[in-house]
Amino acid sequence: LTFSTLSALLFALMGIGLGVWMGSLVILFDGAYSFVSLLLTMLSLGAA
């Protein structure tokens, strides 16, 4: 779960940053999904 959290953080920052800079909805969608995954993984960590 910790490994998943760090991966989600990396891809969320990369996807949201590039999505906003390039004006791409699909990249922003990918980054937003990673950000949601990050929050949910943190929830899973707390649950575990």
ModelCIF file with pLDDT and N, C-alpha, C, O atoms, coordinates in Angstrom:
data_MODEL
#
_entry.id   MODEL 
#
_entity.id                         1 
_entity.type                       polymer 
_entity.pdbx_number_of_molecules   1 
#
_entity_poly.entity_id                      1 
_entity_poly.type                           'polypeptide(L)' 
_entity_poly.nstd_linkage                   no 
_entity_poly.nstd_monomer                   no 
_entity_poly.pdbx_seq_one_letter_code       LTFSTLSALLFALMGIGLGVWMGSLVILFDGAYSFVSLLLTMLSLGAA 
_entity_poly.pdbx_seq_one_letter_code_can   LTFSTLSALLFALMGIGLGVWMGSLVILFDGAYSFVSLLLTMLSLGAA 
_entity_poly.pdbx_strand_id                 A 
#
loop_
_entity_poly_seq.entity_id 
_entity_poly_seq.num 
_entity_poly_seq.mon_id 
_entity_poly_seq.hetero 
1 1  LEU n 
1 2  THR n 
1 3  PHE n 
1 4  SER n 
1 5  THR n 
1 6  LEU n 
1 7  SER n 
1 8  ALA n 
1 9  LEU n 
1 10 LEU n 
1 11 PHE n 
1 12 ALA n 
1 13 LEU n 
1 14 MET n 
1 15 GLY n 
1 16 ILE n 
1 17 GLY n 
1 18 LEU n 
1 19 GLY n 
1 20 VAL n 
1 21 TRP n 
1 22 MET n 
1 23 GLY n 
1 24 SER n 
1 25 LEU n 
1 26 VAL n 
1 27 ILE n 
1 28 LEU n 
1 29 PHE n 
1 30 ASP n 
1 31 GLY n 
1 32 ALA n 
1 33 TYR n 
1 34 SER n 
1 35 PHE n 
1 36 VAL n 
1 37 SER n 
1 38 LEU n 
1 39 LEU n 
1 40 LEU n 
1 41 THR n 
1 42 MET n 
1 43 LEU n 
1 44 SER n 
1 45 LEU n 
1 46 GLY n 
1 47 ALA n 
1 48 ALA n 
#
_struct_asym.id          A 
_struct_asym.entity_id   1 
#
loop_
_ma_qa_metric.id 
_ma_qa_metric.mode 
_ma_qa_metric.name 
_ma_qa_metric.software_group_id 
_ma_qa_metric.type 
1 global pLDDT . pLDDT 
2 local  pLDDT . pLDDT 
#
_ma_qa_metric_global.metric_id      1 
_ma_qa_metric_global.metric_value   79.69 
_ma_qa_metric_global.model_id       1 
_ma_qa_metric_global.ordinal_id     1 
#
loop_
_ma_qa_metric_local.label_asym_id 
_ma_qa_metric_local.label_comp_id 
_ma_qa_metric_local.label_seq_id 
_ma_qa_metric_local.metric_id 
_ma_qa_metric_local.metric_value 
_ma_qa_metric_local.model_id 
_ma_qa_metric_local.ordinal_id 
A LEU 1  2 81.00 1 1  
A THR 2  2 84.00 1 2  
A PHE 3  2 87.00 1 3  
A SER 4  2 85.00 1 4  
A THR 5  2 85.00 1 5  
A LEU 6  2 88.00 1 6  
A SER 7  2 86.00 1 7  
A ALA 8  2 83.00 1 8  
A LEU 9  2 88.00 1 9  
A LEU 10 2 88.00 1 10 
A PHE 11 2 83.00 1 11 
A ALA 12 2 85.00 1 12 
A LEU 13 2 88.00 1 13 
A MET 14 2 85.00 1 14 
A GLY 15 2 83.00 1 15 
A ILE 16 2 86.00 1 16 
A GLY 17 2 86.00 1 17 
A LEU 18 2 81.00 1 18 
A GLY 19 2 80.00 1 19 
A VAL 20 2 83.00 1 20 
A TRP 21 2 83.00 1 21 
A MET 22 2 75.00 1 22 
A GLY 23 2 75.00 1 23 
A SER 24 2 73.00 1 24 
A LEU 25 2 72.00 1 25 
A VAL 26 2 69.00 1 26 
A ILE 27 2 77.00 1 27 
A LEU 28 2 78.00 1 28 
A PHE 29 2 73.00 1 29 
A ASP 30 2 73.00 1 30 
A GLY 31 2 80.00 1 31 
A ALA 32 2 79.00 1 32 
A TYR 33 2 73.00 1 33 
A SER 34 2 76.00 1 34 
A PHE 35 2 81.00 1 35 
A VAL 36 2 78.00 1 36 
A SER 37 2 74.00 1 37 
A LEU 38 2 79.00 1 38 
A LEU 39 2 81.00 1 39 
A LEU 40 2 75.00 1 40 
A THR 41 2 75.00 1 41 
A MET 42 2 80.00 1 42 
A LEU 43 2 78.00 1 43 
A SER 44 2 74.00 1 44 
A LEU 45 2 74.00 1 45 
A GLY 46 2 78.00 1 46 
A ALA 47 2 75.00 1 47 
A ALA 48 2 72.00 1 48 
#
loop_
_atom_site.group_PDB 
_atom_site.id 
_atom_site.type_symbol 
_atom_site.label_atom_id 
_atom_site.label_alt_id 
_atom_site.label_comp_id 
_atom_site.label_asym_id 
_atom_site.label_entity_id 
_atom_site.label_seq_id 
_atom_site.pdbx_PDB_ins_code 
_atom_site.Cartn_x 
_atom_site.Cartn_y 
_atom_site.Cartn_z 
_atom_site.occupancy 
_atom_site.B_iso_or_equiv 
_atom_site.pdbx_formal_charge 
_atom_site.auth_seq_id 
_atom_site.auth_comp_id 
_atom_site.auth_asym_id 
_atom_site.auth_atom_id 
_atom_site.pdbx_PDB_model_num 
ATOM 1   N N  . LEU A 1 1  ? 0.830  -1.204 0.000   1.00 81.00 ? 1  LEU A N  1 
ATOM 2   C CA . LEU A 1 1  ? 0.000  0.000  0.000   1.00 81.00 ? 1  LEU A CA 1 
ATOM 3   C C  . LEU A 1 1  ? 0.867  1.259  0.000   1.00 81.00 ? 1  LEU A C  1 
ATOM 4   O O  . LEU A 1 1  ? 0.512  2.253  -0.632  1.00 81.00 ? 1  LEU A O  1 
ATOM 5   N N  . THR A 1 2  ? 1.999  1.224  0.702   1.00 84.00 ? 2  THR A N  1 
ATOM 6   C CA . THR A 1 2  ? 2.926  2.352  0.699   1.00 84.00 ? 2  THR A CA 1 
ATOM 7   C C  . THR A 1 2  ? 3.530  2.550  -0.692  1.00 84.00 ? 2  THR A C  1 
ATOM 8   O O  . THR A 1 2  ? 3.644  3.676  -1.176  1.00 84.00 ? 2  THR A O  1 
ATOM 9   N N  . PHE A 1 3  ? 3.916  1.436  -1.328  1.00 87.00 ? 3  PHE A N  1 
ATOM 10  C CA . PHE A 1 3  ? 4.445  1.478  -2.694  1.00 87.00 ? 3  PHE A CA 1 
ATOM 11  C C  . PHE A 1 3  ? 3.413  2.074  -3.647  1.00 87.00 ? 3  PHE A C  1 
ATOM 12  O O  . PHE A 1 3  ? 3.754  2.898  -4.496  1.00 87.00 ? 3  PHE A O  1 
ATOM 13  N N  . SER A 1 4  ? 2.160  1.662  -3.511  1.00 85.00 ? 4  SER A N  1 
ATOM 14  C CA . SER A 1 4  ? 1.083  2.176  -4.348  1.00 85.00 ? 4  SER A CA 1 
ATOM 15  C C  . SER A 1 4  ? 0.863  3.666  -4.100  1.00 85.00 ? 4  SER A C  1 
ATOM 16  O O  . SER A 1 4  ? 0.597  4.416  -5.040  1.00 85.00 ? 4  SER A O  1 
ATOM 17  N N  . THR A 1 5  ? 0.971  4.100  -2.851  1.00 85.00 ? 5  THR A N  1 
ATOM 18  C CA . THR A 1 5  ? 0.794  5.512  -2.505  1.00 85.00 ? 5  THR A CA 1 
ATOM 19  C C  . THR A 1 5  ? 1.839  6.382  -3.186  1.00 85.00 ? 5  THR A C  1 
ATOM 20  O O  . THR A 1 5  ? 1.509  7.416  -3.766  1.00 85.00 ? 5  THR A O  1 
ATOM 21  N N  . LEU A 1 6  ? 3.098  5.967  -3.117  1.00 88.00 ? 6  LEU A N  1 
ATOM 22  C CA . LEU A 1 6  ? 4.184  6.745  -3.726  1.00 88.00 ? 6  LEU A CA 1 
ATOM 23  C C  . LEU A 1 6  ? 4.044  6.793  -5.245  1.00 88.00 ? 6  LEU A C  1 
ATOM 24  O O  . LEU A 1 6  ? 4.293  7.829  -5.861  1.00 88.00 ? 6  LEU A O  1 
ATOM 25  N N  . SER A 1 7  ? 3.647  5.670  -5.849  1.00 86.00 ? 7  SER A N  1 
ATOM 26  C CA . SER A 1 7  ? 3.448  5.638  -7.307  1.00 86.00 ? 7  SER A CA 1 
ATOM 27  C C  . SER A 1 7  ? 2.304  6.559  -7.718  1.00 86.00 ? 7  SER A C  1 
ATOM 28  O O  . SER A 1 7  ? 2.416  7.298  -8.697  1.00 86.00 ? 7  SER A O  1 
ATOM 29  N N  . ALA A 1 8  ? 1.199  6.513  -6.965  1.00 83.00 ? 8  ALA A N  1 
ATOM 30  C CA . ALA A 1 8  ? 0.047  7.360  -7.283  1.00 83.00 ? 8  ALA A CA 1 
ATOM 31  C C  . ALA A 1 8  ? 0.402  8.836  -7.152  1.00 83.00 ? 8  ALA A C  1 
ATOM 32  O O  . ALA A 1 8  ? -0.040 9.655  -7.959  1.00 83.00 ? 8  ALA A O  1 
ATOM 33  N N  . LEU A 1 9  ? 1.197  9.183  -6.140  1.00 88.00 ? 9  LEU A N  1 
ATOM 34  C CA . LEU A 1 9  ? 1.616  10.575 -5.957  1.00 88.00 ? 9  LEU A CA 1 
ATOM 35  C C  . LEU A 1 9  ? 2.436  11.053 -7.152  1.00 88.00 ? 9  LEU A C  1 
ATOM 36  O O  . LEU A 1 9  ? 2.216  12.153 -7.659  1.00 88.00 ? 9  LEU A O  1 
ATOM 37  N N  . LEU A 1 10 ? 3.379  10.229 -7.601  1.00 88.00 ? 10 LEU A N  1 
ATOM 38  C CA . LEU A 1 10 ? 4.228  10.587 -8.744  1.00 88.00 ? 10 LEU A CA 1 
ATOM 39  C C  . LEU A 1 10 ? 3.397  10.816 -10.002 1.00 88.00 ? 10 LEU A C  1 
ATOM 40  O O  . LEU A 1 10 ? 3.563  11.830 -10.680 1.00 88.00 ? 10 LEU A O  1 
ATOM 41  N N  . PHE A 1 11 ? 2.507  9.880  -10.316 1.00 83.00 ? 11 PHE A N  1 
ATOM 42  C CA . PHE A 1 11 ? 1.722  9.986  -11.542 1.00 83.00 ? 11 PHE A CA 1 
ATOM 43  C C  . PHE A 1 11 ? 0.655  11.078 -11.448 1.00 83.00 ? 11 PHE A C  1 
ATOM 44  O O  . PHE A 1 11 ? 0.292  11.673 -12.462 1.00 83.00 ? 11 PHE A O  1 
ATOM 45  N N  . ALA A 1 12 ? 0.155  11.342 -10.256 1.00 85.00 ? 12 ALA A N  1 
ATOM 46  C CA . ALA A 1 12 ? -0.827 12.415 -10.083 1.00 85.00 ? 12 ALA A CA 1 
ATOM 47  C C  . ALA A 1 12 ? -0.182 13.771 -10.367 1.00 85.00 ? 12 ALA A C  1 
ATOM 48  O O  . ALA A 1 12 ? -0.739 14.591 -11.097 1.00 85.00 ? 12 ALA A O  1 
ATOM 49  N N  . LEU A 1 13 ? 0.996  13.999 -9.786  1.00 88.00 ? 13 LEU A N  1 
ATOM 50  C CA . LEU A 1 13 ? 1.701  15.264 -10.007 1.00 88.00 ? 13 LEU A CA 1 
ATOM 51  C C  . LEU A 1 13 ? 2.068  15.438 -11.477 1.00 88.00 ? 13 LEU A C  1 
ATOM 52  O O  . LEU A 1 13 ? 1.906  16.522 -12.038 1.00 88.00 ? 13 LEU A O  1 
ATOM 53  N N  . MET A 1 14 ? 2.561  14.374 -12.097 1.00 85.00 ? 14 MET A N  1 
ATOM 54  C CA . MET A 1 14 ? 2.957  14.441 -13.498 1.00 85.00 ? 14 MET A CA 1 
ATOM 55  C C  . MET A 1 14 ? 1.749  14.661 -14.406 1.00 85.00 ? 14 MET A C  1 
ATOM 56  O O  . MET A 1 14 ? 1.790  15.503 -15.303 1.00 85.00 ? 14 MET A O  1 
ATOM 57  N N  . GLY A 1 15 ? 0.675  13.905 -14.177 1.00 83.00 ? 15 GLY A N  1 
ATOM 58  C CA . GLY A 1 15 ? -0.498 14.001 -15.042 1.00 83.00 ? 15 GLY A CA 1 
ATOM 59  C C  . GLY A 1 15 ? -1.229 15.321 -14.918 1.00 83.00 ? 15 GLY A C  1 
ATOM 60  O O  . GLY A 1 15 ? -1.573 15.935 -15.928 1.00 83.00 ? 15 GLY A O  1 
ATOM 61  N N  . ILE A 1 16 ? -1.474 15.771 -13.687 1.00 86.00 ? 16 ILE A N  1 
ATOM 62  C CA . ILE A 1 16 ? -2.194 17.034 -13.491 1.00 86.00 ? 16 ILE A CA 1 
ATOM 63  C C  . ILE A 1 16 ? -1.365 18.211 -13.981 1.00 86.00 ? 16 ILE A C  1 
ATOM 64  O O  . ILE A 1 16 ? -1.888 19.126 -14.617 1.00 86.00 ? 16 ILE A O  1 
ATOM 65  N N  . GLY A 1 17 ? -0.054 18.185 -13.680 1.00 86.00 ? 17 GLY A N  1 
ATOM 66  C CA . GLY A 1 17 ? 0.824  19.276 -14.122 1.00 86.00 ? 17 GLY A CA 1 
ATOM 67  C C  . GLY A 1 17 ? 0.870  19.397 -15.637 1.00 86.00 ? 17 GLY A C  1 
ATOM 68  O O  . GLY A 1 17 ? 0.687  20.487 -16.180 1.00 86.00 ? 17 GLY A O  1 
ATOM 69  N N  . LEU A 1 18 ? 1.116  18.273 -16.329 1.00 81.00 ? 18 LEU A N  1 
ATOM 70  C CA . LEU A 1 18 ? 1.181  18.297 -17.793 1.00 81.00 ? 18 LEU A CA 1 
ATOM 71  C C  . LEU A 1 18 ? -0.186 18.558 -18.413 1.00 81.00 ? 18 LEU A C  1 
ATOM 72  O O  . LEU A 1 18 ? -0.291 19.236 -19.435 1.00 81.00 ? 18 LEU A O  1 
ATOM 73  N N  . GLY A 1 19 ? -1.236 18.016 -17.792 1.00 80.00 ? 19 GLY A N  1 
ATOM 74  C CA . GLY A 1 19 ? -2.586 18.208 -18.325 1.00 80.00 ? 19 GLY A CA 1 
ATOM 75  C C  . GLY A 1 19 ? -2.986 19.671 -18.336 1.00 80.00 ? 19 GLY A C  1 
ATOM 76  O O  . GLY A 1 19 ? -3.551 20.159 -19.314 1.00 80.00 ? 19 GLY A O  1 
ATOM 77  N N  . VAL A 1 20 ? -2.691 20.378 -17.237 1.00 83.00 ? 20 VAL A N  1 
ATOM 78  C CA . VAL A 1 20 ? -3.010 21.814 -17.160 1.00 83.00 ? 20 VAL A CA 1 
ATOM 79  C C  . VAL A 1 20 ? -2.130 22.607 -18.119 1.00 83.00 ? 20 VAL A C  1 
ATOM 80  O O  . VAL A 1 20 ? -2.612 23.499 -18.817 1.00 83.00 ? 20 VAL A O  1 
ATOM 81  N N  . TRP A 1 21 ? -0.828 22.280 -18.154 1.00 83.00 ? 21 TRP A N  1 
ATOM 82  C CA . TRP A 1 21 ? 0.114  23.024 -18.996 1.00 83.00 ? 21 TRP A CA 1 
ATOM 83  C C  . TRP A 1 21 ? -0.206 22.862 -20.485 1.00 83.00 ? 21 TRP A C  1 
ATOM 84  O O  . TRP A 1 21 ? -0.138 23.824 -21.249 1.00 83.00 ? 21 TRP A O  1 
ATOM 85  N N  . MET A 1 22 ? -0.558 21.621 -20.894 1.00 75.00 ? 22 MET A N  1 
ATOM 86  C CA . MET A 1 22 ? -0.813 21.344 -22.305 1.00 75.00 ? 22 MET A CA 1 
ATOM 87  C C  . MET A 1 22 ? -2.271 21.557 -22.686 1.00 75.00 ? 22 MET A C  1 
ATOM 88  O O  . MET A 1 22 ? -2.600 21.554 -23.872 1.00 75.00 ? 22 MET A O  1 
ATOM 89  N N  . GLY A 1 23 ? -3.150 21.740 -21.709 1.00 75.00 ? 23 GLY A N  1 
ATOM 90  C CA . GLY A 1 23 ? -4.569 21.909 -22.006 1.00 75.00 ? 23 GLY A CA 1 
ATOM 91  C C  . GLY A 1 23 ? -5.218 20.644 -22.515 1.00 75.00 ? 23 GLY A C  1 
ATOM 92  O O  . GLY A 1 23 ? -6.136 20.689 -23.335 1.00 75.00 ? 23 GLY A O  1 
ATOM 93  N N  . SER A 1 24 ? -4.724 19.478 -22.010 1.00 73.00 ? 24 SER A N  1 
ATOM 94  C CA . SER A 1 24 ? -5.246 18.189 -22.461 1.00 73.00 ? 24 SER A CA 1 
ATOM 95  C C  . SER A 1 24 ? -6.177 17.597 -21.421 1.00 73.00 ? 24 SER A C  1 
ATOM 96  O O  . SER A 1 24 ? -5.779 17.357 -20.281 1.00 73.00 ? 24 SER A O  1 
ATOM 97  N N  . LEU A 1 25 ? -7.420 17.361 -21.819 1.00 72.00 ? 25 LEU A N  1 
ATOM 98  C CA . LEU A 1 25 ? -8.396 16.766 -20.903 1.00 72.00 ? 25 LEU A CA 1 
ATOM 99  C C  . LEU A 1 25 ? -8.051 15.330 -20.549 1.00 72.00 ? 25 LEU A C  1 
ATOM 100 O O  . LEU A 1 25 ? -8.223 14.908 -19.405 1.00 72.00 ? 25 LEU A O  1 
ATOM 101 N N  . VAL A 1 26 ? -7.563 14.576 -21.530 1.00 69.00 ? 26 VAL A N  1 
ATOM 102 C CA . VAL A 1 26 ? -7.310 13.162 -21.276 1.00 69.00 ? 26 VAL A CA 1 
ATOM 103 C C  . VAL A 1 26 ? -6.111 12.970 -20.346 1.00 69.00 ? 26 VAL A C  1 
ATOM 104 O O  . VAL A 1 26 ? -6.122 12.061 -19.517 1.00 69.00 ? 26 VAL A O  1 
ATOM 105 N N  . ILE A 1 27 ? -5.086 13.803 -20.467 1.00 77.00 ? 27 ILE A N  1 
ATOM 106 C CA . ILE A 1 27 ? -3.945 13.734 -19.548 1.00 77.00 ? 27 ILE A CA 1 
ATOM 107 C C  . ILE A 1 27 ? -4.376 14.205 -18.162 1.00 77.00 ? 27 ILE A C  1 
ATOM 108 O O  . ILE A 1 27 ? -3.965 13.640 -17.149 1.00 77.00 ? 27 ILE A O  1 
ATOM 109 N N  . LEU A 1 28 ? -5.206 15.241 -18.128 1.00 78.00 ? 28 LEU A N  1 
ATOM 110 C CA . LEU A 1 28 ? -5.724 15.730 -16.850 1.00 78.00 ? 28 LEU A CA 1 
ATOM 111 C C  . LEU A 1 28 ? -6.596 14.663 -16.190 1.00 78.00 ? 28 LEU A C  1 
ATOM 112 O O  . LEU A 1 28 ? -6.541 14.482 -14.974 1.00 78.00 ? 28 LEU A O  1 
ATOM 113 N N  . PHE A 1 29 ? -7.403 13.955 -16.992 1.00 73.00 ? 29 PHE A N  1 
ATOM 114 C CA . PHE A 1 29 ? -8.222 12.860 -16.483 1.00 73.00 ? 29 PHE A CA 1 
ATOM 115 C C  . PHE A 1 29 ? -7.343 11.769 -15.881 1.00 73.00 ? 29 PHE A C  1 
ATOM 116 O O  . PHE A 1 29 ? -7.645 11.232 -14.815 1.00 73.00 ? 29 PHE A O  1 
ATOM 117 N N  . ASP A 1 30 ? -6.252 11.448 -16.575 1.00 73.00 ? 30 ASP A N  1 
ATOM 118 C CA . ASP A 1 30 ? -5.325 10.432 -16.085 1.00 73.00 ? 30 ASP A CA 1 
ATOM 119 C C  . ASP A 1 30 ? -4.696 10.869 -14.770 1.00 73.00 ? 30 ASP A C  1 
ATOM 120 O O  . ASP A 1 30 ? -4.600 10.080 -13.830 1.00 73.00 ? 30 ASP A O  1 
ATOM 121 N N  . GLY A 1 31 ? -4.265 12.138 -14.703 1.00 80.00 ? 31 GLY A N  1 
ATOM 122 C CA . GLY A 1 31 ? -3.662 12.649 -13.478 1.00 80.00 ? 31 GLY A CA 1 
ATOM 123 C C  . GLY A 1 31 ? -4.656 12.719 -12.333 1.00 80.00 ? 31 GLY A C  1 
ATOM 124 O O  . GLY A 1 31 ? -4.323 12.416 -11.187 1.00 80.00 ? 31 GLY A O  1 
ATOM 125 N N  . ALA A 1 32 ? -5.898 13.127 -12.657 1.00 79.00 ? 32 ALA A N  1 
ATOM 126 C CA . ALA A 1 32 ? -6.944 13.199 -11.624 1.00 79.00 ? 32 ALA A CA 1 
ATOM 127 C C  . ALA A 1 32 ? -7.258 11.815 -11.079 1.00 79.00 ? 32 ALA A C  1 
ATOM 128 O O  . ALA A 1 32 ? -7.482 11.651 -9.879  1.00 79.00 ? 32 ALA A O  1 
ATOM 129 N N  . TYR A 1 33 ? -7.274 10.813 -11.967 1.00 73.00 ? 33 TYR A N  1 
ATOM 130 C CA . TYR A 1 33 ? -7.509 9.439  -11.516 1.00 73.00 ? 33 TYR A CA 1 
ATOM 131 C C  . TYR A 1 33 ? -6.401 9.000  -10.558 1.00 73.00 ? 33 TYR A C  1 
ATOM 132 O O  . TYR A 1 33 ? -6.668 8.365  -9.538  1.00 73.00 ? 33 TYR A O  1 
ATOM 133 N N  . SER A 1 34 ? -5.139 9.349  -10.900 1.00 76.00 ? 34 SER A N  1 
ATOM 134 C CA . SER A 1 34 ? -4.017 9.001  -10.026 1.00 76.00 ? 34 SER A CA 1 
ATOM 135 C C  . SER A 1 34 ? -4.133 9.714  -8.681  1.00 76.00 ? 34 SER A C  1 
ATOM 136 O O  . SER A 1 34 ? -3.785 9.150  -7.644  1.00 76.00 ? 34 SER A O  1 
ATOM 137 N N  . PHE A 1 35 ? -4.631 10.975 -8.700  1.00 81.00 ? 35 PHE A N  1 
ATOM 138 C CA . PHE A 1 35 ? -4.794 11.720 -7.450  1.00 81.00 ? 35 PHE A CA 1 
ATOM 139 C C  . PHE A 1 35 ? -5.874 11.080 -6.578  1.00 81.00 ? 35 PHE A C  1 
ATOM 140 O O  . PHE A 1 35 ? -5.710 10.944 -5.365  1.00 81.00 ? 35 PHE A O  1 
ATOM 141 N N  . VAL A 1 36 ? -6.982 10.689 -7.215  1.00 78.00 ? 36 VAL A N  1 
ATOM 142 C CA . VAL A 1 36 ? -8.039 9.992  -6.476  1.00 78.00 ? 36 VAL A CA 1 
ATOM 143 C C  . VAL A 1 36 ? -7.504 8.664  -5.935  1.00 78.00 ? 36 VAL A C  1 
ATOM 144 O O  . VAL A 1 36 ? -7.811 8.278  -4.807  1.00 78.00 ? 36 VAL A O  1 
ATOM 145 N N  . SER A 1 37 ? -6.698 7.965  -6.750  1.00 74.00 ? 37 SER A N  1 
ATOM 146 C CA . SER A 1 37 ? -6.089 6.712  -6.310  1.00 74.00 ? 37 SER A CA 1 
ATOM 147 C C  . SER A 1 37 ? -5.198 6.942  -5.096  1.00 74.00 ? 37 SER A C  1 
ATOM 148 O O  . SER A 1 37 ? -5.159 6.124  -4.176  1.00 74.00 ? 37 SER A O  1 
ATOM 149 N N  . LEU A 1 38 ? -4.481 8.069  -5.104  1.00 79.00 ? 38 LEU A N  1 
ATOM 150 C CA . LEU A 1 38 ? -3.612 8.408  -3.975  1.00 79.00 ? 38 LEU A CA 1 
ATOM 151 C C  . LEU A 1 38 ? -4.427 8.548  -2.692  1.00 79.00 ? 38 LEU A C  1 
ATOM 152 O O  . LEU A 1 38 ? -4.075 7.978  -1.659  1.00 79.00 ? 38 LEU A O  1 
ATOM 153 N N  . LEU A 1 39 ? -5.516 9.308  -2.763  1.00 81.00 ? 39 LEU A N  1 
ATOM 154 C CA . LEU A 1 39 ? -6.357 9.511  -1.584  1.00 81.00 ? 39 LEU A CA 1 
ATOM 155 C C  . LEU A 1 39 ? -6.961 8.196  -1.104  1.00 81.00 ? 39 LEU A C  1 
ATOM 156 O O  . LEU A 1 39 ? -7.035 7.935  0.097   1.00 81.00 ? 39 LEU A O  1 
ATOM 157 N N  . LEU A 1 40 ? -7.392 7.373  -2.057  1.00 75.00 ? 40 LEU A N  1 
ATOM 158 C CA . LEU A 1 40 ? -8.022 6.110  -1.700  1.00 75.00 ? 40 LEU A CA 1 
ATOM 159 C C  . LEU A 1 40 ? -7.009 5.112  -1.138  1.00 75.00 ? 40 LEU A C  1 
ATOM 160 O O  . LEU A 1 40 ? -7.335 4.315  -0.259  1.00 75.00 ? 40 LEU A O  1 
ATOM 161 N N  . THR A 1 41 ? -5.775 5.165  -1.656  1.00 75.00 ? 41 THR A N  1 
ATOM 162 C CA . THR A 1 41 ? -4.734 4.291  -1.119  1.00 75.00 ? 41 THR A CA 1 
ATOM 163 C C  . THR A 1 41 ? -4.384 4.690  0.305   1.00 75.00 ? 41 THR A C  1 
ATOM 164 O O  . THR A 1 41 ? -4.137 3.833  1.153   1.00 75.00 ? 41 THR A O  1 
ATOM 165 N N  . MET A 1 42 ? -4.363 5.997  0.568   1.00 80.00 ? 42 MET A N  1 
ATOM 166 C CA . MET A 1 42 ? -4.125 6.459  1.933   1.00 80.00 ? 42 MET A CA 1 
ATOM 167 C C  . MET A 1 42 ? -5.247 5.990  2.860   1.00 80.00 ? 42 MET A C  1 
ATOM 168 O O  . MET A 1 42 ? -5.014 5.653  4.021   1.00 80.00 ? 42 MET A O  1 
ATOM 169 N N  . LEU A 1 43 ? -6.474 5.976  2.321   1.00 78.00 ? 43 LEU A N  1 
ATOM 170 C CA . LEU A 1 43 ? -7.598 5.454  3.091   1.00 78.00 ? 43 LEU A CA 1 
ATOM 171 C C  . LEU A 1 43 ? -7.401 3.966  3.385   1.00 78.00 ? 43 LEU A C  1 
ATOM 172 O O  . LEU A 1 43 ? -7.677 3.503  4.492   1.00 78.00 ? 43 LEU A O  1 
ATOM 173 N N  . SER A 1 44 ? -6.922 3.222  2.384   1.00 74.00 ? 44 SER A N  1 
ATOM 174 C CA . SER A 1 44 ? -6.661 1.793  2.571   1.00 74.00 ? 44 SER A CA 1 
ATOM 175 C C  . SER A 1 44 ? -5.557 1.563  3.599   1.00 74.00 ? 44 SER A C  1 
ATOM 176 O O  . SER A 1 44 ? -5.626 0.634  4.404   1.00 74.00 ? 44 SER A O  1 
ATOM 177 N N  . LEU A 1 45 ? -4.535 2.424  3.561   1.00 74.00 ? 45 LEU A N  1 
ATOM 178 C CA . LEU A 1 45 ? -3.452 2.316  4.542   1.00 74.00 ? 45 LEU A CA 1 
ATOM 179 C C  . LEU A 1 45 ? -3.989 2.508  5.956   1.00 74.00 ? 45 LEU A C  1 
ATOM 180 O O  . LEU A 1 45 ? -3.653 1.755  6.869   1.00 74.00 ? 45 LEU A O  1 
ATOM 181 N N  . GLY A 1 46 ? -4.829 3.528  6.120   1.00 78.00 ? 46 GLY A N  1 
ATOM 182 C CA . GLY A 1 46 ? -5.430 3.778  7.427   1.00 78.00 ? 46 GLY A CA 1 
ATOM 183 C C  . GLY A 1 46 ? -6.297 2.617  7.870   1.00 78.00 ? 46 GLY A C  1 
ATOM 184 O O  . GLY A 1 46 ? -6.290 2.237  9.040   1.00 78.00 ? 46 GLY A O  1 
ATOM 185 N N  . ALA A 1 47 ? -7.054 2.048  6.917   1.00 75.00 ? 47 ALA A N  1 
ATOM 186 C CA . ALA A 1 47 ? -7.918 0.905  7.242   1.00 75.00 ? 47 ALA A CA 1 
ATOM 187 C C  . ALA A 1 47 ? -7.090 -0.303 7.650   1.00 75.00 ? 47 ALA A C  1 
ATOM 188 O O  . ALA A 1 47 ? -7.427 -1.009 8.600   1.00 75.00 ? 47 ALA A O  1 
ATOM 189 N N  . ALA A 1 48 ? -5.985 -0.537 6.910   1.00 72.00 ? 48 ALA A N  1 
ATOM 190 C CA . ALA A 1 48 ? -5.121 -1.675 7.229   1.00 72.00 ? 48 ALA A CA 1 
ATOM 191 C C  . ALA A 1 48 ? -4.516 -1.522 8.622   1.00 72.00 ? 48 ALA A C  1 
ATOM 192 O O  . ALA A 1 48 ? -3.759 -2.387 9.064   1.00 72.00 ? 48 ALA A O  1 
#
